[in-house]
Protein backbone atom coordinates (compact mmCIF):
# COMPACT_ATOMS: atom_id res chain seq x y z
CA MET A 1 1.77 210.56 7.04
CA ARG A 2 2.13 213.60 7.75
CA LEU A 3 0.05 216.98 8.46
CA GLU A 4 0.99 220.61 8.11
CA PHE A 5 -0.94 223.56 8.28
CA ASN A 6 -0.82 227.43 8.93
CA PHE A 7 -2.77 229.82 10.27
CA VAL A 8 -2.66 233.83 11.37
CA VAL A 9 -3.90 234.82 14.13
CA GLY A 10 -4.60 238.95 15.71
CA GLU A 11 -6.11 241.25 14.04
CA VAL A 12 -3.79 244.46 15.06
CA GLU A 13 -0.73 242.47 15.79
CA ARG A 14 -0.89 239.64 13.01
CA HIS A 15 1.09 236.25 14.11
CA SER A 16 1.35 232.84 11.70
CA ILE A 17 1.59 229.76 13.29
CA GLU A 18 2.53 226.91 11.75
CA PHE A 19 1.86 223.07 12.41
CA SER A 20 3.81 220.19 11.30
CA TYR A 21 2.90 216.05 12.43
CA LYS A 22 4.24 213.19 11.15
CA GLN A 23 2.25 210.16 12.03
CA LEU A 24 4.63 207.60 11.27
CA LEU A 25 7.43 209.29 13.30
CA GLY A 26 4.95 210.67 16.03
CA ARG A 27 7.21 213.83 15.26
CA LEU A 28 5.20 217.34 15.75
CA ILE A 29 6.10 221.03 15.69
CA ILE A 30 4.54 224.10 16.43
CA LYS A 31 6.44 227.73 15.09
CA VAL A 32 5.43 231.23 16.06
CA ASP A 33 6.92 233.63 12.90
CA GLY A 34 9.29 231.22 11.75
CA ARG A 35 10.57 230.10 15.55
CA ARG A 36 9.83 227.02 16.62
CA LEU A 37 7.51 227.33 20.24
CA ILE A 38 6.88 223.35 20.87
CA ARG A 39 8.20 220.41 19.42
CA ASP A 40 6.98 216.99 21.16
CA TRP A 41 7.28 213.30 20.13
CA ARG A 42 4.36 211.39 20.45
CA ASP A 43 3.60 207.84 20.64
CA ILE A 44 1.86 205.45 18.32
CA LEU A 45 0.40 203.26 21.80
CA PRO A 46 -2.85 204.33 22.98
CA PHE A 47 -1.22 206.29 26.27
CA SER A 48 -3.47 209.20 26.05
CA TYR A 49 -5.88 209.54 23.21
CA THR A 50 -5.80 213.76 23.58
CA LYS A 51 -3.21 216.28 23.74
CA GLU A 52 -4.08 220.29 24.27
CA TYR A 53 -1.01 222.78 23.25
CA PRO A 54 -1.67 226.03 24.32
CA LEU A 55 0.12 229.34 22.62
CA ALA A 56 -0.31 233.17 24.24
CA VAL A 57 1.14 234.76 21.52
CA GLY A 58 2.06 238.35 20.91
CA GLU A 59 2.62 241.76 22.95
CA ARG A 60 -0.37 243.81 22.99
CA GLU A 61 -2.97 241.63 21.66
CA ARG A 62 -2.88 237.89 22.93
CA PRO A 63 -5.39 235.65 21.21
CA TYR A 64 -5.52 232.30 23.42
CA VAL A 65 -4.51 229.48 20.63
CA VAL A 66 -5.39 225.97 21.59
CA ILE A 67 -4.09 223.54 19.17
CA ARG A 68 -5.59 219.94 20.29
CA LYS A 69 -4.56 216.66 19.06
CA THR A 70 -6.67 213.66 19.36
CA LYS A 71 -6.39 210.44 18.31
CA GLN A 72 -8.89 207.63 17.91
CA ARG A 73 -9.54 205.15 20.75
CA LEU A 74 -9.01 202.02 19.31
CA PRO A 75 -5.67 199.63 19.08
CA TYR A 76 -2.70 201.03 17.75
CA GLY A 77 -5.02 204.49 17.43
CA GLY A 78 -1.75 206.35 17.02
CA SER A 79 -1.21 204.49 13.30
CA ARG A 80 -4.75 204.88 12.46
CA PRO A 81 -6.50 208.56 11.00
CA GLN A 82 -6.02 211.79 13.67
CA THR A 83 -7.75 214.97 14.42
CA VAL A 84 -6.46 218.31 14.93
CA THR A 85 -8.43 220.99 15.88
CA VAL A 86 -7.55 224.73 16.94
CA PHE A 87 -9.37 226.96 18.94
CA ILE A 88 -8.56 230.67 18.92
CA ASP A 89 -9.92 232.35 22.23
CA GLY A 90 -12.18 229.54 22.82
CA ARG A 91 -13.60 229.15 19.48
CA GLN A 92 -13.26 226.09 17.25
CA ILE A 93 -11.54 227.86 13.89
CA SER A 94 -10.61 224.82 11.60
CA GLU A 95 -10.20 220.87 11.94
CA HIS A 96 -7.71 219.12 10.22
CA ARG A 97 -7.58 214.76 9.85
CA THR A 98 -4.45 213.22 8.76
CA ARG A 99 -5.05 209.98 6.29
C-alpha cells in the first residue's frame, strides 16, 4: 500500500511539498521543492499511534506546516488503513487515507 500526494504552500513565496509513504515497508519521505527534508521508517507494531512532522518553509513568508500520520489503535495498527492529515498555520487543509 502506498500513499502519495503533494500540495503548495505560500501566497507570494510558493513552495511545493511532496509526501510519500510506503506502508508495507514503513518508509516515509517528505520533500520540499524537490529536496528531501524528512525520511522516517515506521514500524507496524503499535509503539506509537500518532507521529507529527512539523515543517517551517520559506524565507520571507513562513507558513507553519504539520503533517500528522495516525494509525489505528488496534493490534498491528500499522498494517491497517492509516490517516495522514495536513495542517497549515493550525488549520486542517486535507486528509488522506491509505487503503
